[in-house]
Structure formats: C-alpha cells, structure tokens
Amino acid sequence: MDVKEAVLARRSIRAFSPEPVPQKILRNIMEKALWSPSWGNTQPWKFTIVGGKTLDKIREEYVRLLQKGTPSNPDFPFQITFNEIQTGRYKGLGKSLFQALGIAREDKEKREAYNLAMSCFFEAPGLIYLHFDRGFNPYALMDGGIILQTIALLAVEQGLGTCILTRSVSYPDVVRQFAGIASDQMLIMGIGIGYPIPDHPANLFRSQRGNMEDFIRWVDLT
C-alpha cells in the first residue's frame, strides 16, 4: 500500500471487532511512527498502550461516571467554540453520521446509546494514549498531531482501523489510575485501534471534505 492509498483509505472507525491486536503488530506500528518529525527533534511524546482487562476497567468507570452525570475534566480543555463555517461542518458531521446509523433526531434512547458506545471507545480492543510531561511547550501539540496521523496511516497498512477520541481522555484520573500513568503526565489524546467490522454502517460512513479552493491559495506558482 502506498501513501496515497493509506491517506484515502483511513477513516474514523466506530465499530471494532473484539479480536485483540497482537502486540507484535502494535510494536511494528509504533517503531515506525517514532520516525515522525518534531520541532527541533524534541520528540516530546510518550505513549501508554492499553488493552485487555485494564481497558475494560477504564470503560466501565467511564460509563459509570457518564451515567452518574459527572462532568468531564480533561487535562487539556476541549475547544468547542468554532467560527460559523467550522460550526456548520461540525454539526453536519453529527447529522450525517446519525442519518447513516438510522438514529432520528427525536430518538433520545438511541442517541444516549451512541453516547455510551463512544464512552466505551466503540469497543476497540486497544487504546493508544498520548501524553506529555506537564508544562510542555505548546508546539508539542503540533508534534503530537503529526505522530497520531502517522499511527493512523500505519494502522491502515496493517488492515487495522483507528478512531482518534477526545472522549478517551475526558476522565484522565481514571486512565492514570488503571493504566499506571504518572501524575506528572498530561493526557492529550487517545486512539482506539483494532480490526474494523467491515459492513457496519458506522464504518461505511464517510465524512465530507471541502473543495481545495476552500482552503488553499496559490501565490506565484505556475
């Protein structure tokens, strides 16, 4: 698989097979991903990769806190304010996804079930947590984004799917408790990883992309 094929094939997977991914495959992905570029070669990233009963415990506690109504408390606050155009894309994603899943706007029960599924990380058998030392340089977030994308593309090459999930770091103290992550680490993001269920409607769904002209200007090029 070449780079172009991997970029076009990657999508957010929202329905995973319970089959665990062998550690050998995950090690192969991470070994290559660590060649991702970073500012001044600082390589600010650290990862904790969780599966099995430990991940089940994290899921169970997330669901308990969600059903209890406990507010999320991420180490790095989520940005939920966008400009008008970005807001339209954000809302459009949710609307299109729910339509693909057959979830009506007024179906509160199915919407709550989807919210619970997201808190269970769509049953991904593995979760890759990205964390930084507290007090990290803000530019490290760019480095983090680069390596997360690299992991997602390398996963495609292995026949795996991924979903980058802010929900996975919404209760960071839970993750630290069960995964043994030190308190001096800030949880930045998590990636669910596993084998996709190929014909699941959530995995057949593709989000829309804007036209090149919406994002790119060409200056002094022929």
Protein backbone atom coordinates (compact mmCIF):
# COMPACT_ATOMS: atom_id res chain seq x y z
CA MET A 1 0.00 0.00 0.00
CA ASP A 2 1.43 3.38 -0.97
CA VAL A 3 0.98 6.61 0.97
CA LYS A 4 -1.84 7.91 -1.24
CA GLU A 5 -3.85 4.72 -0.76
CA ALA A 6 -3.39 4.85 3.01
CA VAL A 7 -4.45 8.52 3.22
CA LEU A 8 -7.63 7.88 1.20
CA ALA A 9 -8.44 4.61 2.98
CA ARG A 10 -8.11 5.99 6.52
CA ARG A 11 -11.37 6.80 8.22
CA SER A 12 -12.72 7.02 11.75
CA ILE A 13 -13.75 3.51 12.77
CA ARG A 14 -16.72 3.39 15.14
CA ALA A 15 -17.34 -0.36 15.32
CA PHE A 16 -14.48 -2.72 16.19
CA SER A 17 -14.17 -6.49 16.28
CA PRO A 18 -13.32 -7.84 19.77
CA GLU A 19 -10.30 -9.65 18.29
CA PRO A 20 -7.19 -8.27 20.04
CA VAL A 21 -4.34 -6.85 18.00
CA PRO A 22 -1.10 -8.76 18.66
CA GLN A 23 1.49 -6.70 20.48
CA LYS A 24 3.96 -7.57 17.71
CA ILE A 25 1.86 -5.63 15.19
CA LEU A 26 1.41 -2.68 17.53
CA ARG A 27 5.16 -2.59 18.21
CA ASN A 28 5.81 -2.57 14.46
CA ILE A 29 3.45 0.40 14.01
CA MET A 30 4.89 2.37 16.91
CA GLU A 31 8.50 1.69 15.92
CA LYS A 32 7.86 3.29 12.52
CA ALA A 33 5.67 6.08 13.93
CA LEU A 34 8.50 7.25 16.17
CA TRP A 35 10.25 8.47 12.99
CA SER A 36 7.62 11.23 12.76
CA PRO A 37 9.05 14.76 12.63
CA SER A 38 9.01 17.02 15.67
CA TRP A 39 10.09 20.57 16.36
CA GLY A 40 13.88 20.59 16.74
CA ASN A 41 13.78 16.80 17.05
CA THR A 42 12.46 17.26 20.60
CA GLN A 43 10.26 14.13 20.34
CA PRO A 44 8.00 15.27 23.21
CA TRP A 45 5.61 12.32 23.01
CA LYS A 46 5.08 9.47 25.40
CA PHE A 47 2.59 6.66 24.91
CA THR A 48 0.79 4.15 27.05
CA ILE A 49 -0.94 1.38 25.10
CA VAL A 50 -3.74 -0.38 26.95
CA GLY A 51 -5.86 -3.44 26.25
CA GLY A 52 -7.46 -6.44 27.91
CA LYS A 53 -8.97 -6.25 31.39
CA THR A 54 -7.30 -2.91 32.12
CA LEU A 55 -9.10 -1.26 29.22
CA ASP A 56 -12.34 -2.94 30.29
CA LYS A 57 -11.97 -1.36 33.74
CA ILE A 58 -11.41 2.08 32.21
CA ARG A 59 -14.51 1.63 30.04
CA GLU A 60 -16.64 0.50 32.98
CA GLU A 61 -15.61 3.51 35.08
CA TYR A 62 -16.21 5.91 32.18
CA VAL A 63 -19.74 4.57 31.75
CA ARG A 64 -20.38 4.79 35.49
CA LEU A 65 -19.25 8.42 35.61
CA LEU A 66 -21.20 9.33 32.48
CA GLN A 67 -24.42 7.76 33.79
CA LYS A 68 -23.86 9.48 37.12
CA GLY A 69 -23.63 12.81 35.29
CA THR A 70 -20.06 13.53 36.37
CA PRO A 71 -18.65 16.39 34.27
CA SER A 72 -15.58 15.59 32.19
CA ASN A 73 -12.32 17.04 33.43
CA PRO A 74 -9.66 16.67 30.70
CA ASP A 75 -6.08 17.69 31.40
CA PHE A 76 -6.15 19.75 28.21
CA PRO A 77 -9.52 21.54 27.87
CA PHE A 78 -11.56 20.70 24.79
CA GLN A 79 -12.15 23.55 22.34
CA ILE A 80 -15.84 23.53 21.47
CA THR A 81 -16.19 27.03 20.02
CA PHE A 82 -15.71 27.39 16.28
CA ASN A 83 -16.34 30.02 13.66
CA GLU A 84 -19.54 29.86 11.61
CA ILE A 85 -18.12 27.75 8.77
CA GLN A 86 -16.42 25.27 11.11
CA THR A 87 -19.56 25.03 13.25
CA GLY A 88 -21.50 24.07 10.16
CA ARG A 89 -19.05 21.29 9.37
CA TYR A 90 -19.09 20.08 12.99
CA LYS A 91 -22.86 19.91 13.18
CA GLY A 92 -23.07 18.48 9.69
CA LEU A 93 -20.84 15.57 10.71
CA GLY A 94 -23.12 14.59 13.58
CA LYS A 95 -26.25 14.92 11.47
CA SER A 96 -24.85 12.83 8.60
CA LEU A 97 -23.47 10.17 10.93
CA PHE A 98 -26.77 9.75 12.77
CA GLN A 99 -28.61 9.53 9.45
CA ALA A 100 -26.22 6.79 8.33
CA LEU A 101 -26.88 4.93 11.59
CA GLY A 102 -30.64 5.38 11.33
CA ILE A 103 -30.82 7.48 14.50
CA ALA A 104 -33.61 10.03 14.31
CA ARG A 105 -33.27 13.45 15.88
CA GLU A 106 -36.06 12.72 18.35
CA ASP A 107 -34.79 9.23 19.28
CA LYS A 108 -33.31 10.03 22.66
CA GLU A 109 -32.75 6.38 23.57
CA LYS A 110 -30.57 5.62 20.52
CA ARG A 111 -28.65 8.87 20.92
CA GLU A 112 -27.85 8.01 24.52
CA ALA A 113 -26.80 4.51 23.42
CA TYR A 114 -24.41 6.04 20.88
CA ASN A 115 -23.00 8.32 23.59
CA LEU A 116 -22.36 5.27 25.78
CA ALA A 117 -20.71 3.48 22.85
CA MET A 118 -18.38 6.44 22.43
CA SER A 119 -17.51 6.26 26.13
CA CYS A 120 -16.66 2.58 25.56
CA PHE A 121 -14.36 3.71 22.72
CA PHE A 122 -16.57 1.78 20.29
CA GLU A 123 -15.27 -1.44 21.88
CA ALA A 124 -11.80 -1.02 20.40
CA PRO A 125 -9.61 -3.81 21.82
CA GLY A 126 -6.68 -1.42 22.16
CA LEU A 127 -6.26 2.21 23.18
CA ILE A 128 -3.11 4.20 22.45
CA TYR A 129 -2.80 7.09 24.91
CA LEU A 130 -0.60 10.06 24.01
CA HIS A 131 0.69 12.05 26.97
CA PHE A 132 3.24 14.81 27.58
CA ASP A 133 5.23 15.99 30.56
CA ARG A 134 3.35 18.71 32.42
CA GLY A 135 4.48 22.18 31.39
CA PHE A 136 5.11 21.04 27.81
CA ASN A 137 5.89 23.56 25.09
CA PRO A 138 2.65 24.40 23.18
CA TYR A 139 4.32 23.50 19.89
CA ALA A 140 4.41 19.92 21.14
CA LEU A 141 0.71 19.72 20.27
CA MET A 142 1.66 20.04 16.61
CA ASP A 143 4.18 17.24 17.04
CA GLY A 144 1.50 15.16 18.74
CA GLY A 145 -0.90 15.65 15.84
CA ILE A 146 1.76 14.58 13.36
CA ILE A 147 2.55 11.33 15.13
CA LEU A 148 -1.12 10.49 15.70
CA GLN A 149 -1.76 10.78 11.97
CA THR A 150 1.30 8.66 11.27
CA ILE A 151 -0.02 5.94 13.59
CA ALA A 152 -3.42 6.04 11.88
CA LEU A 153 -1.86 5.62 8.42
CA LEU A 154 0.45 2.80 9.51
CA ALA A 155 -2.55 1.05 11.05
CA VAL A 156 -4.34 1.09 7.68
CA GLU A 157 -1.36 -0.68 6.13
CA GLN A 158 -1.82 -3.47 8.70
CA GLY A 159 -5.53 -3.88 7.96
CA LEU A 160 -6.44 -2.09 11.18
CA GLY A 161 -8.78 0.79 11.89
CA THR A 162 -8.42 3.71 14.27
CA CYS A 163 -10.55 6.38 15.85
CA ILE A 164 -8.98 9.44 17.45
CA LEU A 165 -11.16 10.03 20.50
CA THR A 166 -11.24 13.06 22.76
CA ARG A 167 -13.74 11.09 24.84
CA SER A 168 -10.95 8.69 25.79
CA VAL A 169 -9.19 11.42 27.80
CA SER A 170 -12.27 13.08 29.29
CA TYR A 171 -11.63 11.45 32.70
CA PRO A 172 -7.82 11.44 32.86
CA ASP A 173 -7.58 10.43 36.51
CA VAL A 174 -9.40 7.21 35.68
CA VAL A 175 -6.87 6.42 32.96
CA ARG A 176 -3.96 7.26 35.24
CA GLN A 177 -5.37 5.05 37.98
CA PHE A 178 -5.88 1.91 35.91
CA ALA A 179 -3.10 2.32 33.34
CA GLY A 180 -0.44 3.37 35.84
CA ILE A 181 0.34 6.71 34.19
CA ALA A 182 2.28 9.08 36.48
CA SER A 183 0.64 12.25 37.78
CA ASP A 184 3.29 14.40 36.09
CA GLN A 185 1.87 13.36 32.70
CA MET A 186 -0.88 15.26 30.88
CA LEU A 187 -3.16 13.08 28.79
CA ILE A 188 -3.54 14.67 25.37
CA MET A 189 -5.42 12.20 23.19
CA GLY A 190 -6.28 8.56 22.75
CA ILE A 191 -6.62 6.42 19.64
CA GLY A 192 -8.85 3.38 19.58
CA ILE A 193 -7.21 0.71 17.43
CA GLY A 194 -8.38 -2.69 16.23
CA TYR A 195 -9.90 -4.66 13.39
CA PRO A 196 -12.93 -2.90 11.88
CA ILE A 197 -16.28 -4.61 11.41
CA PRO A 198 -16.31 -4.10 7.62
CA ASP A 199 -20.05 -3.91 6.89
CA HIS A 200 -21.12 -1.94 9.95
CA PRO A 201 -22.97 1.26 8.91
CA ALA A 202 -20.74 3.35 11.18
CA ASN A 203 -17.69 2.16 9.26
CA LEU A 204 -19.24 2.59 5.82
CA PHE A 205 -19.93 6.25 6.64
CA ARG A 206 -17.51 8.84 5.26
CA SER A 207 -17.41 12.45 6.38
CA GLN A 208 -17.43 15.15 3.73
CA ARG A 209 -14.43 17.25 2.74
CA GLY A 210 -14.43 20.76 1.29
CA ASN A 211 -13.04 21.69 -2.10
CA MET A 212 -9.38 22.56 -2.48
CA GLU A 213 -10.37 26.15 -3.25
CA ASP A 214 -11.94 26.44 0.23
CA PHE A 215 -8.58 26.01 1.93
CA ILE A 216 -5.68 26.73 -0.39
CA ARG A 217 -4.29 29.86 -2.07
CA TRP A 218 -1.55 29.67 -4.70
CA VAL A 219 0.96 32.52 -4.82
CA ASP A 220 3.49 33.00 -7.61
CA LEU A 221 3.29 29.42 -8.82
CA THR A 222 2.72 28.21 -12.36
